[in-house]
Amino acid sequence: MKKVTENVRNVLGVLANLPEGAGFAREVLAKVEGKTFNSVNATLAAAAGAGWATKAKAVYEDKMLTKYTITEAGRAILEAPAEAPVEEKEEA
């Protein structure tokens, strides 16, 4: 099981509410209070590593940056109670 912090929940919640559940760290940062770009970017990267989001390169303001998309596992985190541990899915 992976620990889901309040910070991860907040960032994934913002990502889920962006169009198509996808966005860049800068777009998420604009909707999160009291966080730095590095903090948001690291949280999104960790979420992608945990399987709660995917990442792909895309163009943002004439630059190639990483675009994150929330997964079904990420949405399940948002629907679960805050205290509930998240079960990891075993890969085949």
N, C-alpha and C. Protein backbone atom coordinates (compact mmCIF):
# COMPACT_ATOMS: atom_id res chain seq x y z
N MET A 1 0.84 -1.19 0.00
CA MET A 1 0.00 0.00 0.00
C MET A 1 0.87 1.24 0.00
N LYS A 2 0.42 2.23 -0.70
CA LYS A 2 1.14 3.49 -0.73
C LYS A 2 0.38 4.51 0.11
N LYS A 3 1.13 5.36 0.79
CA LYS A 3 0.52 6.39 1.62
C LYS A 3 0.09 7.55 0.73
N VAL A 4 -1.13 7.99 0.95
CA VAL A 4 -1.66 9.12 0.20
C VAL A 4 -1.73 10.31 1.14
N THR A 5 -0.92 11.33 0.86
CA THR A 5 -0.91 12.51 1.72
C THR A 5 -1.99 13.49 1.29
N GLU A 6 -2.25 14.44 2.14
CA GLU A 6 -3.22 15.49 1.81
C GLU A 6 -2.75 16.28 0.58
N ASN A 7 -1.46 16.48 0.49
CA ASN A 7 -0.89 17.19 -0.65
C ASN A 7 -1.18 16.45 -1.97
N VAL A 8 -1.01 15.13 -1.96
CA VAL A 8 -1.29 14.34 -3.16
C VAL A 8 -2.77 14.44 -3.51
N ARG A 9 -3.62 14.34 -2.51
CA ARG A 9 -5.07 14.47 -2.76
C ARG A 9 -5.41 15.83 -3.37
N ASN A 10 -4.82 16.88 -2.83
CA ASN A 10 -5.10 18.23 -3.34
C ASN A 10 -4.66 18.38 -4.80
N VAL A 11 -3.46 17.94 -5.09
CA VAL A 11 -2.92 18.08 -6.45
C VAL A 11 -3.71 17.21 -7.43
N LEU A 12 -4.02 15.98 -7.05
CA LEU A 12 -4.82 15.12 -7.93
C LEU A 12 -6.23 15.68 -8.12
N GLY A 13 -6.78 16.30 -7.07
CA GLY A 13 -8.11 16.91 -7.18
C GLY A 13 -8.12 18.04 -8.19
N VAL A 14 -7.08 18.85 -8.17
CA VAL A 14 -6.97 19.94 -9.16
C VAL A 14 -6.81 19.36 -10.56
N LEU A 15 -5.95 18.36 -10.69
CA LEU A 15 -5.72 17.73 -12.00
C LEU A 15 -7.01 17.12 -12.54
N ALA A 16 -7.77 16.47 -11.68
CA ALA A 16 -9.03 15.86 -12.10
C ALA A 16 -10.03 16.89 -12.60
N ASN A 17 -9.98 18.10 -12.07
CA ASN A 17 -10.93 19.14 -12.46
C ASN A 17 -10.50 19.96 -13.67
N LEU A 18 -9.30 19.70 -14.18
CA LEU A 18 -8.88 20.35 -15.41
C LEU A 18 -9.56 19.65 -16.59
N PRO A 19 -9.68 20.33 -17.73
CA PRO A 19 -10.31 19.69 -18.90
C PRO A 19 -9.64 18.36 -19.23
N GLU A 20 -10.45 17.33 -19.39
CA GLU A 20 -10.00 15.98 -19.71
C GLU A 20 -9.12 15.37 -18.61
N GLY A 21 -9.10 15.97 -17.42
CA GLY A 21 -8.30 15.44 -16.32
C GLY A 21 -6.82 15.49 -16.60
N ALA A 22 -6.40 16.44 -17.42
CA ALA A 22 -5.00 16.53 -17.83
C ALA A 22 -4.52 17.96 -17.77
N GLY A 23 -3.23 18.12 -17.45
CA GLY A 23 -2.67 19.46 -17.41
C GLY A 23 -1.19 19.43 -17.08
N PHE A 24 -0.60 20.60 -17.16
CA PHE A 24 0.82 20.78 -16.85
C PHE A 24 0.97 21.24 -15.41
N ALA A 25 2.15 21.06 -14.85
CA ALA A 25 2.40 21.46 -13.47
C ALA A 25 2.08 22.93 -13.25
N ARG A 26 2.38 23.77 -14.22
CA ARG A 26 2.09 25.20 -14.08
C ARG A 26 0.59 25.48 -13.98
N GLU A 27 -0.22 24.70 -14.69
CA GLU A 27 -1.67 24.87 -14.62
C GLU A 27 -2.20 24.43 -13.25
N VAL A 28 -1.64 23.35 -12.73
CA VAL A 28 -2.04 22.87 -11.41
C VAL A 28 -1.61 23.87 -10.35
N LEU A 29 -0.39 24.38 -10.46
CA LEU A 29 0.14 25.35 -9.51
C LEU A 29 -0.76 26.57 -9.40
N ALA A 30 -1.31 27.01 -10.52
CA ALA A 30 -2.17 28.20 -10.54
C ALA A 30 -3.43 28.01 -9.70
N LYS A 31 -3.80 26.76 -9.42
CA LYS A 31 -5.03 26.49 -8.68
C LYS A 31 -4.77 25.92 -7.28
N VAL A 32 -3.50 25.84 -6.89
CA VAL A 32 -3.13 25.33 -5.57
C VAL A 32 -2.51 26.48 -4.78
N GLU A 33 -3.01 26.70 -3.58
CA GLU A 33 -2.49 27.80 -2.77
C GLU A 33 -1.33 27.34 -1.89
N GLY A 34 -0.35 28.22 -1.74
CA GLY A 34 0.74 27.99 -0.79
C GLY A 34 1.77 26.96 -1.21
N LYS A 35 1.83 26.59 -2.47
CA LYS A 35 2.80 25.60 -2.92
C LYS A 35 3.72 26.24 -3.95
N THR A 36 4.91 25.69 -4.06
CA THR A 36 5.86 26.15 -5.06
C THR A 36 5.74 25.28 -6.31
N PHE A 37 6.31 25.77 -7.40
CA PHE A 37 6.30 24.99 -8.63
C PHE A 37 7.00 23.65 -8.41
N ASN A 38 8.16 23.68 -7.75
CA ASN A 38 8.92 22.44 -7.53
C ASN A 38 8.12 21.43 -6.71
N SER A 39 7.38 21.90 -5.73
CA SER A 39 6.57 21.02 -4.90
C SER A 39 5.46 20.36 -5.72
N VAL A 40 4.76 21.15 -6.51
CA VAL A 40 3.68 20.61 -7.34
C VAL A 40 4.24 19.65 -8.38
N ASN A 41 5.33 20.03 -9.01
CA ASN A 41 5.94 19.19 -10.03
C ASN A 41 6.40 17.86 -9.44
N ALA A 42 7.01 17.90 -8.26
CA ALA A 42 7.46 16.67 -7.60
C ALA A 42 6.28 15.79 -7.20
N THR A 43 5.21 16.40 -6.74
CA THR A 43 4.02 15.64 -6.36
C THR A 43 3.41 14.95 -7.57
N LEU A 44 3.33 15.66 -8.69
CA LEU A 44 2.79 15.06 -9.92
C LEU A 44 3.69 13.93 -10.41
N ALA A 45 4.99 14.13 -10.34
CA ALA A 45 5.93 13.08 -10.77
C ALA A 45 5.79 11.84 -9.88
N ALA A 46 5.65 12.04 -8.58
CA ALA A 46 5.48 10.93 -7.65
C ALA A 46 4.15 10.21 -7.92
N ALA A 47 3.10 10.98 -8.21
CA ALA A 47 1.80 10.39 -8.51
C ALA A 47 1.89 9.54 -9.78
N ALA A 48 2.63 10.03 -10.76
CA ALA A 48 2.82 9.26 -11.99
C ALA A 48 3.60 7.98 -11.71
N GLY A 49 4.59 8.07 -10.86
CA GLY A 49 5.37 6.89 -10.49
C GLY A 49 4.55 5.85 -9.74
N ALA A 50 3.54 6.32 -9.02
CA ALA A 50 2.67 5.42 -8.26
C ALA A 50 1.51 4.88 -9.10
N GLY A 51 1.38 5.39 -10.33
CA GLY A 51 0.30 4.93 -11.19
C GLY A 51 -0.99 5.70 -11.05
N TRP A 52 -0.95 6.81 -10.32
CA TRP A 52 -2.15 7.62 -10.11
C TRP A 52 -2.33 8.66 -11.21
N ALA A 53 -1.31 8.81 -12.06
CA ALA A 53 -1.36 9.72 -13.20
C ALA A 53 -0.40 9.18 -14.26
N THR A 54 -0.61 9.62 -15.48
CA THR A 54 0.33 9.28 -16.55
C THR A 54 1.02 10.57 -16.95
N LYS A 55 2.14 10.43 -17.65
CA LYS A 55 2.83 11.63 -18.10
C LYS A 55 3.29 11.44 -19.54
N ALA A 56 3.26 12.55 -20.28
CA ALA A 56 3.69 12.55 -21.67
C ALA A 56 4.17 13.95 -22.01
N LYS A 57 5.07 14.05 -22.95
CA LYS A 57 5.56 15.36 -23.39
C LYS A 57 4.54 16.00 -24.31
N ALA A 58 4.31 17.30 -24.13
CA ALA A 58 3.39 18.06 -24.95
C ALA A 58 3.85 19.51 -24.98
N VAL A 59 3.33 20.28 -25.93
CA VAL A 59 3.72 21.67 -26.07
C VAL A 59 2.88 22.55 -25.14
N TYR A 60 3.56 23.41 -24.41
CA TYR A 60 2.91 24.39 -23.53
C TYR A 60 3.65 25.70 -23.72
N GLU A 61 2.98 26.69 -24.24
CA GLU A 61 3.58 28.01 -24.49
C GLU A 61 4.91 27.88 -25.22
N ASP A 62 4.92 27.20 -26.34
CA ASP A 62 6.10 27.03 -27.20
C ASP A 62 7.24 26.25 -26.57
N LYS A 63 6.96 25.49 -25.52
CA LYS A 63 7.98 24.65 -24.87
C LYS A 63 7.45 23.23 -24.76
N MET A 64 8.35 22.26 -24.84
CA MET A 64 7.97 20.87 -24.61
C MET A 64 8.07 20.60 -23.11
N LEU A 65 6.93 20.36 -22.49
CA LEU A 65 6.88 20.10 -21.05
C LEU A 65 6.10 18.82 -20.79
N THR A 66 6.16 18.33 -19.58
CA THR A 66 5.44 17.12 -19.21
C THR A 66 3.99 17.46 -18.89
N LYS A 67 3.08 16.73 -19.54
CA LYS A 67 1.65 16.89 -19.28
C LYS A 67 1.18 15.65 -18.53
N TYR A 68 0.49 15.86 -17.43
CA TYR A 68 0.02 14.78 -16.58
C TYR A 68 -1.48 14.56 -16.78
N THR A 69 -1.89 13.29 -16.74
CA THR A 69 -3.31 12.94 -16.86
C THR A 69 -3.65 12.00 -15.72
N ILE A 70 -4.73 12.29 -15.00
CA ILE A 70 -5.12 11.44 -13.89
C ILE A 70 -5.64 10.11 -14.42
N THR A 71 -5.35 9.03 -13.69
CA THR A 71 -5.80 7.69 -14.08
C THR A 71 -7.01 7.30 -13.24
N GLU A 72 -7.58 6.14 -13.55
CA GLU A 72 -8.70 5.64 -12.75
C GLU A 72 -8.25 5.39 -11.31
N ALA A 73 -7.01 4.93 -11.14
CA ALA A 73 -6.48 4.72 -9.78
C ALA A 73 -6.39 6.04 -9.04
N GLY A 74 -6.02 7.11 -9.75
CA GLY A 74 -5.96 8.44 -9.15
C GLY A 74 -7.34 8.93 -8.76
N ARG A 75 -8.32 8.68 -9.61
CA ARG A 75 -9.70 9.07 -9.29
C ARG A 75 -10.23 8.29 -8.08
N ALA A 76 -9.81 7.03 -7.96
CA ALA A 76 -10.23 6.20 -6.82
C ALA A 76 -9.71 6.79 -5.51
N ILE A 77 -8.53 7.39 -5.54
CA ILE A 77 -7.98 8.03 -4.34
C ILE A 77 -8.88 9.17 -3.89
N LEU A 78 -9.36 9.93 -4.86
CA LEU A 78 -10.21 11.08 -4.54
C LEU A 78 -11.56 10.65 -3.99
N GLU A 79 -12.03 9.48 -4.41
CA GLU A 79 -13.33 8.98 -3.96
C GLU A 79 -13.25 8.27 -2.61
N ALA A 80 -12.06 7.77 -2.25
CA ALA A 80 -11.88 7.03 -1.00
C ALA A 80 -11.84 8.00 0.18
N PRO A 81 -12.24 7.53 1.36
CA PRO A 81 -12.10 8.38 2.56
C PRO A 81 -10.64 8.74 2.78
N ALA A 82 -10.39 9.89 3.36
CA ALA A 82 -9.03 10.40 3.53
C ALA A 82 -8.15 9.46 4.35
N GLU A 83 -8.71 8.72 5.30
CA GLU A 83 -7.91 7.86 6.16
C GLU A 83 -7.65 6.51 5.54
N ALA A 84 -8.37 6.15 4.50
CA ALA A 84 -8.27 4.80 3.93
C ALA A 84 -6.95 4.60 3.19
N PRO A 85 -6.24 3.51 3.47
CA PRO A 85 -5.03 3.23 2.69
C PRO A 85 -5.43 2.82 1.28
N VAL A 86 -4.55 3.05 0.35
CA VAL A 86 -4.83 2.73 -1.05
C VAL A 86 -4.18 1.40 -1.39
N GLU A 87 -4.97 0.48 -1.91
CA GLU A 87 -4.45 -0.82 -2.32
C GLU A 87 -3.72 -0.68 -3.63
N GLU A 88 -2.57 -1.32 -3.73
CA GLU A 88 -1.84 -1.33 -4.99
C GLU A 88 -2.36 -2.46 -5.84
N LYS A 89 -2.50 -2.21 -7.13
CA LYS A 89 -2.90 -3.25 -8.05
C LYS A 89 -1.66 -4.01 -8.47
N GLU A 90 -1.78 -5.32 -8.49
CA GLU A 90 -0.65 -6.13 -8.92
C GLU A 90 -0.62 -6.16 -10.43
N GLU A 91 0.58 -6.03 -10.98
CA GLU A 91 0.72 -6.05 -12.42
C GLU A 91 0.88 -7.50 -12.88
N ALA A 92 0.31 -7.78 -14.05
CA ALA A 92 0.38 -9.15 -14.58
C ALA A 92 1.74 -9.47 -15.15
